[in-house]
C-alpha atoms as a PDB file:
ATOM      1  CA  MET A   1      93.376  56.522 101.797  1.00  0.00           C
ATOM      2  CA  LYS A   2      95.690  59.137 103.045  1.00  0.00           C
ATOM      3  CA  ASN A   3      94.524  62.726 103.519  1.00  0.00           C
ATOM      4  CA  LYS A   4      96.404  65.269 102.241  1.00  0.00           C
ATOM      5  CA  THR A   5      98.101  67.951 104.550  1.00  0.00           C
ATOM      6  CA  LYS A   6      96.519  71.011 104.449  1.00  0.00           C
ATOM      7  CA  TYR A   7      98.239  74.140 103.774  1.00  0.00           C
ATOM      8  CA  PRO A   8      97.398  77.566 103.804  1.00  0.00           C
ATOM      9  CA  ASP A   9      94.975  77.940 100.687  1.00  0.00           C
ATOM     10  CA  TYR A  10      97.171  81.019  99.424  1.00  0.00           C
ATOM     11  CA  MET A  11     100.211  79.676  98.976  1.00  0.00           C
ATOM     12  CA  TRP A  12     100.448  79.183  95.060  1.00  0.00           C
ATOM     13  CA  ALA A  13     102.868  75.651  95.128  1.00  0.00           C
ATOM     14  CA  THR A  14     100.461  73.592  97.467  1.00  0.00           C
ATOM     15  CA  LEU A  15      97.452  73.595  95.908  1.00  0.00           C
ATOM     16  CA  SER A  16      95.720  71.494  93.293  1.00  0.00           C
ATOM     17  CA  TRP A  17      94.851  73.026  89.927  1.00  0.00           C
ATOM     18  CA  PRO A  18      91.217  72.738  90.374  1.00  0.00           C
ATOM     19  CA  GLU A  19      92.060  74.705  93.263  1.00  0.00           C
ATOM     20  CA  ILE A  20      93.454  77.319  91.729  1.00  0.00           C
ATOM     21  CA  GLU A  21      91.218  77.459  89.430  1.00  0.00           C
ATOM     22  CA  GLU A  22      88.033  77.748  91.615  1.00  0.00           C
ATOM     23  CA  ARG A  23      90.143  80.582  94.097  1.00  0.00           C
ATOM     24  CA  LEU A  24      90.951  82.927  91.342  1.00  0.00           C
ATOM     25  CA  LYS A  25      87.436  82.933  91.235  1.00  0.00           C
ATOM     26  CA  LEU A  26      87.629  84.757  94.921  1.00  0.00           C
ATOM     27  CA  VAL A  27      90.881  86.848  94.830  1.00  0.00           C
ATOM     28  CA  ASP A  28      93.421  88.135  91.585  1.00  0.00           C
ATOM     29  CA  THR A  29      96.124  89.356  93.820  1.00  0.00           C
ATOM     30  CA  ALA A  30      99.433  87.759  94.254  1.00  0.00           C
ATOM     31  CA  ILE A  31     102.837  88.025  96.056  1.00  0.00           C
ATOM     32  CA  LEU A  32     106.259  87.380  94.808  1.00  0.00           C
ATOM     33  CA  PRO A  33     108.691  87.221  97.180  1.00  0.00           C
ATOM     34  CA  CYS A  34     112.252  87.961  95.549  1.00  0.00           C
ATOM     35  CA  GLY A  35     115.435  87.487  97.545  1.00  0.00           C
ATOM     36  CA  ALA A  36     119.026  87.104  96.808  1.00  0.00           C
ATOM     37  CA  ILE A  37     121.745  84.744  97.993  1.00  0.00           C
ATOM     38  CA  GLU A  38     124.723  86.532  98.978  1.00  0.00           C
ATOM     39  CA  GLN A  39     127.514  87.404 102.235  1.00  0.00           C
ATOM     40  CA  HIS A  40     125.591  89.125 105.005  1.00  0.00           C
ATOM     41  CA  GLY A  41     129.087  89.638 106.678  1.00  0.00           C
ATOM     42  CA  PRO A  42     130.515  87.166 109.104  1.00  0.00           C
ATOM     43  CA  HIS A  43     127.380  87.202 111.643  1.00  0.00           C
ATOM     44  CA  LEU A  44     124.726  86.384 109.465  1.00  0.00           C
ATOM     45  CA  PRO A  45     123.766  83.291 106.888  1.00  0.00           C
ATOM     46  CA  LEU A  46     123.541  84.228 103.342  1.00  0.00           C
ATOM     47  CA  ASP A  47     120.032  84.053 102.945  1.00  0.00           C
ATOM     48  CA  VAL A  48     118.791  86.948 104.639  1.00  0.00           C
ATOM     49  CA  ASP A  49     117.534  88.596 101.766  1.00  0.00           C
ATOM     50  CA  TYR A  50     116.210  85.328 100.324  1.00  0.00           C
ATOM     51  CA  PHE A  51     114.237  83.901 103.739  1.00  0.00           C
ATOM     52  CA  ASP A  52     113.275  87.287 104.974  1.00  0.00           C
ATOM     53  CA  ALA A  53     111.207  88.278 101.754  1.00  0.00           C
ATOM     54  CA  ASP A  54     109.488  84.848 102.014  1.00  0.00           C
ATOM     55  CA  TYR A  55     108.670  84.956 105.437  1.00  0.00           C
ATOM     56  CA  LEU A  56     106.997  88.341 105.006  1.00  0.00           C
ATOM     57  CA  ALA A  57     105.407  87.200 102.476  1.00  0.00           C
ATOM     58  CA  ARG A  58     103.509  84.648 104.033  1.00  0.00           C
ATOM     59  CA  LYS A  59     102.845  86.795 107.396  1.00  0.00           C
ATOM     60  CA  VAL A  60     101.067  89.502 105.076  1.00  0.00           C
ATOM     61  CA  ALA A  61      98.760  86.983 103.277  1.00  0.00           C
ATOM     62  CA  GLU A  62      97.853  85.889 106.878  1.00  0.00           C
ATOM     63  CA  ALA A  63      97.695  89.180 108.062  1.00  0.00           C
ATOM     64  CA  CYS A  64      95.498  90.407 105.144  1.00  0.00           C
ATOM     65  CA  PRO A  65      91.257  89.169 106.050  1.00  0.00           C
ATOM     66  CA  ASP A  66      89.809  86.373 103.698  1.00  0.00           C
ATOM     67  CA  PRO A  67      90.391  86.097 100.517  1.00  0.00           C
ATOM     68  CA  LYS A  68      93.464  85.876 101.091  1.00  0.00           C
ATOM     69  CA  PRO A  69      96.297  87.183  98.331  1.00  0.00           C
ATOM     70  CA  PHE A  70      98.569  84.320  96.696  1.00  0.00           C
ATOM     71  CA  VAL A  71     101.915  84.018  97.468  1.00  0.00           C
ATOM     72  CA  LEU A  72     104.016  81.949  95.272  1.00  0.00           C
ATOM     73  CA  PRO A  73     107.409  80.277  95.664  1.00  0.00           C
ATOM     74  CA  PRO A  74     110.288  82.703  96.838  1.00  0.00           C
ATOM     75  CA  ILE A  75     112.880  83.546  94.123  1.00  0.00           C
ATOM     76  CA  PRO A  76     115.967  82.602  95.883  1.00  0.00           C
ATOM     77  CA  TYR A  77     119.053  84.465  93.155  1.00  0.00           C
ATOM     78  CA  GLY A  78     119.562  87.879  92.641  1.00  0.00           C
ATOM     79  CA  VAL A  79     121.625  90.822  91.670  1.00  0.00           C
ATOM     80  CA  SER A  80     124.310  90.759  93.508  1.00  0.00           C
ATOM     81  CA  TYR A  81     127.670  90.866  91.650  1.00  0.00           C
ATOM     82  CA  HIS A  82     128.987  93.614  94.113  1.00  0.00           C
ATOM     83  CA  HIS A  83     129.183  91.171  96.727  1.00  0.00           C
ATOM     84  CA  SER A  84     131.036  88.557  94.732  1.00  0.00           C
ATOM     85  CA  GLU A  85     134.407  89.175  96.093  1.00  0.00           C
ATOM     86  CA  PHE A  86     132.907  87.513  99.958  1.00  0.00           C
ATOM     87  CA  LYS A  87     132.364  83.934  99.039  1.00  0.00           C
ATOM     88  CA  GLY A  88     129.475  82.401  98.960  1.00  0.00           C
ATOM     89  CA  THR A  89     127.625  84.924  96.959  1.00  0.00           C
ATOM     90  CA  LEU A  90     125.536  84.161  93.638  1.00  0.00           C
ATOM     91  CA  ALA A  91     124.600  85.950  92.203  1.00  0.00           C
ATOM     92  CA  VAL A  92     122.421  86.303  88.769  1.00  0.00           C
ATOM     93  CA  SER A  93     122.841  88.692  85.629  1.00  0.00           C
ATOM     94  CA  ASN A  94     119.800  91.529  85.193  1.00  0.00           C
ATOM     95  CA  ASN A  95     119.130  90.210  82.190  1.00  0.00           C
ATOM     96  CA  ALA A  96     118.317  86.646  83.840  1.00  0.00           C
ATOM     97  CA  LEU A  97     116.167  87.829  86.564  1.00  0.00           C
ATOM     98  CA  SER A  98     114.720  90.027  84.491  1.00  0.00           C
ATOM     99  CA  ALA A  99     113.707  87.095  82.378  1.00  0.00           C
ATOM    100  CA  LEU A 100     112.948  84.679  84.948  1.00  0.00           C
ATOM    101  CA  VAL A 101     110.789  87.672  86.146  1.00  0.00           C
ATOM    102  CA  TYR A 102     108.595  88.400  83.053  1.00  0.00           C
ATOM    103  CA  ASP A 103     108.037  84.938  81.963  1.00  0.00           C
ATOM    104  CA  ILE A 104     106.385  84.270  85.617  1.00  0.00           C
ATOM    105  CA  GLY A 105     104.155  87.687  85.497  1.00  0.00           C
ATOM    106  CA  MET A 106     103.037  86.537  81.940  1.00  0.00           C
ATOM    107  CA  SER A 107     102.413  83.205  83.285  1.00  0.00           C
ATOM    108  CA  LEU A 108     100.843  84.547  86.281  1.00  0.00           C
ATOM    109  CA  ALA A 109      98.458  86.892  83.775  1.00  0.00           C
ATOM    110  CA  HIS A 110      97.255  83.523  81.844  1.00  0.00           C
ATOM    111  CA  ASN A 111      96.117  82.042  85.036  1.00  0.00           C
ATOM    112  CA  GLY A 112      94.453  85.216  85.307  1.00  0.00           C
ATOM    113  CA  ILE A 113      96.305  86.834  88.278  1.00  0.00           C
ATOM    114  CA  LYS A 114      95.379  90.800  87.411  1.00  0.00           C
ATOM    115  CA  LYS A 115      97.779  91.810  90.443  1.00  0.00           C
ATOM    116  CA  LEU A 116     101.275  91.204  91.048  1.00  0.00           C
ATOM    117  CA  VAL A 117     103.035  92.577  93.830  1.00  0.00           C
ATOM    118  CA  MET A 118     106.959  92.044  93.636  1.00  0.00           C
ATOM    119  CA  LEU A 119     108.394  92.179  97.042  1.00  0.00           C
ATOM    120  CA  ASN A 120     111.749  92.506  96.900  1.00  0.00           C
ATOM    121  CA  GLY A 121     114.268  91.634  99.779  1.00  0.00           C
ATOM    122  CA  HIS A 122     117.370  92.551  98.405  1.00  0.00           C
ATOM    123  CA  GLY A 123     117.896  96.835  97.075  1.00  0.00           C
ATOM    124  CA  ASP A 124     120.352  96.280  94.241  1.00  0.00           C
ATOM    125  CA  ASN A 125     117.069  93.751  92.677  1.00  0.00           C
ATOM    126  CA  VAL A 126     115.208  97.331  92.409  1.00  0.00           C
ATOM    127  CA  PRO A 127     116.071  98.104  88.581  1.00  0.00           C
ATOM    128  CA  THR A 128     116.229  94.663  87.280  1.00  0.00           C
ATOM    129  CA  LEU A 129     112.234  94.038  88.820  1.00  0.00           C
ATOM    130  CA  THR A 130     110.833  97.443  88.129  1.00  0.00           C
ATOM    131  CA  TYR A 131     111.880  96.923  84.607  1.00  0.00           C
ATOM    132  CA  ALA A 132     110.800  93.026  84.632  1.00  0.00           C
ATOM    133  CA  ALA A 133     107.576  94.670  86.533  1.00  0.00           C
ATOM    134  CA  GLN A 134     107.244  97.255  83.023  1.00  0.00           C
ATOM    135  CA  MET A 135     107.712  94.689  80.418  1.00  0.00           C
ATOM    136  CA  ILE A 136     104.718  92.843  82.390  1.00  0.00           C
ATOM    137  CA  ASN A 137     102.397  95.435  81.808  1.00  0.00           C
ATOM    138  CA  ARG A 138     103.262  96.595  78.546  1.00  0.00           C
ATOM    139  CA  ASP A 139     102.427  93.127  77.078  1.00  0.00           C
ATOM    140  CA  ALA A 140      99.987  91.390  79.836  1.00  0.00           C
ATOM    141  CA  ARG A 141      97.984  94.964  81.010  1.00  0.00           C
ATOM    142  CA  ILE A 142      98.063  93.944  84.501  1.00  0.00           C
ATOM    143  CA  PHE A 143      98.361  95.996  87.814  1.00  0.00           C
ATOM    144  CA  VAL A 144     102.084  94.890  88.616  1.00  0.00           C
ATOM    145  CA  CYS A 145     104.365  97.267  91.243  1.00  0.00           C
ATOM    146  CA  VAL A 146     107.515  96.892  93.372  1.00  0.00           C
ATOM    147  CA  GLU A 147     107.882  96.888  97.194  1.00  0.00           C
ATOM    148  CA  THR A 148     111.033  97.546  98.495  1.00  0.00           C
ATOM    149  CA  GLY A 149     110.122  98.559 101.688  1.00  0.00           C
ATOM    150  CA  GLU A 150     108.568 101.620 100.946  1.00  0.00           C
ATOM    151  CA  THR A 151     105.558 101.054 102.830  1.00  0.00           C
ATOM    152  CA  SER A 152     107.920 100.658 106.629  1.00  0.00           C
ATOM    153  CA  ASP A 153     111.276 102.055 106.086  1.00  0.00           C
ATOM    154  CA  ILE A 154     110.829 105.147 107.181  1.00  0.00           C
ATOM    155  CA  ASP A 155     109.210 103.622 110.105  1.00  0.00           C
ATOM    156  CA  LEU A 156     112.535 101.211 110.945  1.00  0.00           C
ATOM    157  CA  TYR A 157     115.118 104.225 110.584  1.00  0.00           C
ATOM    158  CA  ASP A 158     112.875 105.785 113.907  1.00  0.00           C
ATOM    159  CA  LEU A 159     113.556 102.320 115.438  1.00  0.00           C
ATOM    160  CA  ILE A 160     117.324 102.430 115.001  1.00  0.00           C
ATOM    161  CA  ASP A 161     120.645 104.641 116.134  1.00  0.00           C
ATOM    162  CA  THR A 162     123.051 103.838 113.308  1.00  0.00           C
ATOM    163  CA  HIS A 163     123.118 106.125 109.538  1.00  0.00           C
ATOM    164  CA  ASN A 164     123.477 104.763 106.365  1.00  0.00           C
ATOM    165  CA  ASP A 165     122.302 100.759 107.992  1.00  0.00           C
ATOM    166  CA  ILE A 166     121.642  99.085 104.637  1.00  0.00           C
ATOM    167  CA  HIS A 167     123.489  95.958 104.766  1.00  0.00           C
ATOM    168  CA  ALA A 168     123.557  93.733 107.636  1.00  0.00           C
ATOM    169  CA  GLY A 169     123.716  96.082 110.691  1.00  0.00           C
ATOM    170  CA  GLU A 170     121.781  96.868 112.992  1.00  0.00           C
ATOM    171  CA  ILE A 171     117.738  96.053 111.579  1.00  0.00           C
ATOM    172  CA  GLU A 172     118.940  92.849 109.482  1.00  0.00           C
ATOM    173  CA  THR A 173     120.668  91.472 112.480  1.00  0.00           C
ATOM    174  CA  SER A 174     117.468  92.584 114.517  1.00  0.00           C
ATOM    175  CA  THR A 175     114.839  91.079 112.459  1.00  0.00           C
ATOM    176  CA  SER A 176     117.212  87.593 112.839  1.00  0.00           C
ATOM    177  CA  LEU A 177     117.250  87.832 116.226  1.00  0.00           C
ATOM    178  CA  ALA A 178     113.553  88.145 116.647  1.00  0.00           C
ATOM    179  CA  ILE A 179     112.358  84.875 114.298  1.00  0.00           C
ATOM    180  CA  ARG A 180     115.785  82.998 113.938  1.00  0.00           C
ATOM    181  CA  PRO A 181     117.979  83.873 116.562  1.00  0.00           C
ATOM    182  CA  GLU A 182     119.694  80.246 116.037  1.00  0.00           C
ATOM    183  CA  VAL A 183     121.539  81.366 113.124  1.00  0.00           C
ATOM    184  CA  VAL A 184     122.818  84.812 114.403  1.00  0.00           C
ATOM    185  CA  GLU A 185     126.677  85.055 115.781  1.00  0.00           C
ATOM    186  CA  MET A 186     126.768  88.098 117.781  1.00  0.00           C
ATOM    187  CA  ASP A 187     130.170  87.316 118.804  1.00  0.00           C
ATOM    188  CA  LYS A 188     131.369  87.923 115.009  1.00  0.00           C
ATOM    189  CA  ALA A 189     129.135  91.216 114.991  1.00  0.00           C
ATOM    190  CA  VAL A 190     130.843  94.446 114.059  1.00  0.00           C
ATOM    191  CA  ASP A 191     130.644  97.806 113.316  1.00  0.00           C
ATOM    192  CA  ASP A 192     131.192  98.805 110.074  1.00  0.00           C
ATOM    193  CA  THR A 193     129.386 102.468 109.837  1.00  0.00           C
ATOM    194  CA  LEU A 194     129.463 104.043 106.678  1.00  0.00           C
ATOM    195  CA  ASP A 195     130.409 108.003 106.631  1.00  0.00           C
ATOM    196  CA  LEU A 196     130.263 108.582 103.314  1.00  0.00           C
ATOM    197  CA  ASP A 197     130.706 112.719 103.719  1.00  0.00           C
ATOM    198  CA  ASN A 198     128.272 113.413 100.584  1.00  0.00           C
ATOM    199  CA  GLU A 199     124.471 113.666 101.015  1.00  0.00           C
ATOM    200  CA  TYR A 200     123.977 113.381  97.715  1.00  0.00           C
ATOM    201  CA  LEU A 201     125.609 109.605  98.067  1.00  0.00           C
ATOM    202  CA  ASP A 202     124.296 108.918 101.237  1.00  0.00           C
ATOM    203  CA  TYR A 203     121.706 105.718 101.169  1.00  0.00           C
ATOM    204  CA  THR A 204     119.691 107.242 103.748  1.00  0.00           C
ATOM    205  CA  SER A 205     119.153 111.285 102.978  1.00  0.00           C
ATOM    206  CA  ASP A 206     116.495 112.704 100.847  1.00  0.00           C
ATOM    207  CA  ARG A 207     118.453 113.717  98.460  1.00  0.00           C
ATOM    208  CA  GLY A 208     120.413 110.463  97.810  1.00  0.00           C
ATOM    209  CA  VAL A 209     120.756 109.286  94.220  1.00  0.00           C
ATOM    210  CA  SER A 210     120.830 105.686  93.137  1.00  0.00           C
ATOM    211  CA  TRP A 211     124.786 104.988  92.906  1.00  0.00           C
ATOM    212  CA  TYR A 212     126.679 101.013  92.409  1.00  0.00           C
ATOM    213  CA  VAL A 213     130.093 100.350  93.991  1.00  0.00           C
ATOM    214  CA  HIS A 214     131.733  97.276  94.613  1.00  0.00           C
ATOM    215  CA  THR A 215     130.789  96.446  98.441  1.00  0.00           C
ATOM    216  CA  GLU A 216     134.593  95.455  99.380  1.00  0.00           C
ATOM    217  CA  ARG A 217     135.228  99.134  98.736  1.00  0.00           C
ATOM    218  CA  LEU A 218     133.297 100.572 101.337  1.00  0.00           C
ATOM    219  CA  THR A 219     133.824  97.889 104.275  1.00  0.00           C
ATOM    220  CA  LYS A 220     136.131  94.876 104.514  1.00  0.00           C
ATOM    221  CA  SER A 221     133.298  93.073 106.702  1.00  0.00           C
ATOM    222  CA  GLY A 222     130.672  92.804 104.104  1.00  0.00           C
ATOM    223  CA  VAL A 223     128.112  94.940 106.710  1.00  0.00           C
ATOM    224  CA  MET A 224     127.625  98.690 106.101  1.00  0.00           C
ATOM    225  CA  GLY A 225     125.734  99.463 109.141  1.00  0.00           C
ATOM    226  CA  ASN A 226     126.693  98.791 113.209  1.00  0.00           C
ATOM    227  CA  ALA A 227     125.451  95.093 113.987  1.00  0.00           C
ATOM    228  CA  THR A 228     126.448  95.493 117.120  1.00  0.00           C
ATOM    229  CA  LYS A 229     123.691  97.550 118.083  1.00  0.00           C
ATOM    230  CA  ALA A 230     120.837  94.761 117.178  1.00  0.00           C
ATOM    231  CA  SER A 231     117.950  93.099 119.770  1.00  0.00           C
ATOM    232  CA  ALA A 232     115.597  90.653 119.321  1.00  0.00           C
ATOM    233  CA  GLU A 233     113.232  93.364 120.645  1.00  0.00           C
ATOM    234  CA  LYS A 234     114.340  95.711 118.068  1.00  0.00           C
ATOM    235  CA  GLY A 235     113.451  92.967 115.758  1.00  0.00           C
ATOM    236  CA  HIS A 236     109.785  92.351 117.008  1.00  0.00           C
ATOM    237  CA  GLN A 237     108.745  95.743 116.651  1.00  0.00           C
ATOM    238  CA  MET A 238     110.514  95.834 113.085  1.00  0.00           C
ATOM    239  CA  TRP A 239     108.611  92.939 112.163  1.00  0.00           C
ATOM    240  CA  GLU A 240     104.967  94.006 114.003  1.00  0.00           C
ATOM    241  CA  ILE A 241     105.949  97.485 111.796  1.00  0.00           C
ATOM    242  CA  MET A 242     106.700  96.329 108.447  1.00  0.00           C
ATOM    243  CA  ILE A 243     103.823  93.125 108.559  1.00  0.00           C
ATOM    244  CA  ARG A 244     101.362  95.769 108.549  1.00  0.00           C
ATOM    245  CA  LYS A 245     102.057  98.193 106.714  1.00  0.00           C
ATOM    246  CA  MET A 246     102.547  96.136 103.963  1.00  0.00           C
ATOM    247  CA  ALA A 247      99.284  94.295 104.705  1.00  0.00           C
ATOM    248  CA  ASP A 248      97.382  97.450 104.509  1.00  0.00           C
ATOM    249  CA  PHE A 249      98.650  97.976 101.276  1.00  0.00           C
ATOM    250  CA  VAL A 250      98.162  94.456  99.771  1.00  0.00           C
ATOM    251  CA  GLU A 251      94.370  95.394 101.039  1.00  0.00           C
ATOM    252  CA  THR A 252      94.318  98.796  99.398  1.00  0.00           C
ATOM    253  CA  ILE A 253      95.689  96.476  96.067  1.00  0.00           C
ATOM    254  CA  LYS A 254      93.702  94.001  96.207  1.00  0.00           C
ATOM    255  CA  ASN A 255      89.969  96.101  97.322  1.00  0.00           C
ATOM    256  CA  THR A 256      90.469  98.220  94.508  1.00  0.00           C
ATOM    257  CA  PRO A 257      88.950  97.091  91.300  1.00  0.00           C
ATOM    258  CA  SER A 258      91.582  97.278  88.039  1.00  0.00           C
ATOM    259  CA  SER A 259      89.897  99.502  86.316  1.00  0.00           C
ATOM    260  CA  LYS A 260      90.296 102.013  89.394  1.00  0.00           C
ATOM    261  CA  LEU A 261      93.617 101.128  89.508  1.00  0.00           C
ATOM    262  CA  TYR A 262      94.737 102.135  85.628  1.00  0.00           C
ATOM    263  CA  GLN A 263      92.676 105.229  85.904  1.00  0.00           C
ATOM    264  CA  ASN A 264      94.593 106.357  88.763  1.00  0.00           C
ATOM    265  CA  ARG A 265      97.770 105.259  87.291  1.00  0.00           C
ATOM    266  CA  TYR A 266      97.476 106.300  84.029  1.00  0.00           C
END
C-alpha cells in the first residue's frame, strides 16, 4: 500500500476529516490568504498578490510554535476593477468576494475555528474583507481580523527610497526578486513614482484619506512606484520582517483565550 504524501499538518486542504477533527482539539486559529490576479506593470506577473499572500501565510505558520495555525487554501481573485484597462486583470465584484469570504468564515466557525485571520495581499480588498469580517463576527460570534500589512508596512518603508510606492514598485519588485527572480524582467522595470502634491491624497501620509481611482489615470505602465530601485537584498529583508512581525501577531491571537479577546475588543 502506497504511503500518503506527508504535507505539513497545518495545511487545511491536505488533511483528512479525522485529522482535522483531532487537530481542532489543539488549535482554533486559521489564516485565510486573499489575493488578486491583476496587472503588475510590464515586468511582473499577474499573480503577485495571490502568490505573496499564500507564501506569507505558509511561512508565518511555519514560524509559529506548535500547535501551528491552520493555513487555508488561498482566494486568488480580488476587487481589481480599477486595473481593468490593463489586459490580464481578472476582477470580481465586492459583493461576490464578500459573499464567498462570509460563507467560508461561517463554515470555519461551524467546524470549530474561533479565530480567523484574513491575510490580505491586495490593498483594494480591504473594504470588502472588512465588511465580510464584520458579518462573520456578527453571525458566528468568532474573532475575525483583516491584516493588510499593518504589522510590518511601517518597517518596510524604512528600507526603501520611493515615496508613494504602492503597486509593482520598489517593494513588490524586491520581494519578488528575493523568492522567485525567474518571474521578474528587470529590463522592463520603470520608474512611475506618483507625485500627488496633496497630503490628504498621499498614500503614505498619516493624514491620507481612503480614495479610489482607475489606475490608468495615474500611470500608463501600471506601476505606481519605482521598480528600478528594487533588489533581492531588500526583498529578503522585507520577507524576514513581514514573516516575523505577522508570526508574532498570530501567536498573540492564537494564545489569547477567546473570552479575553472579546472582552478587550468589545
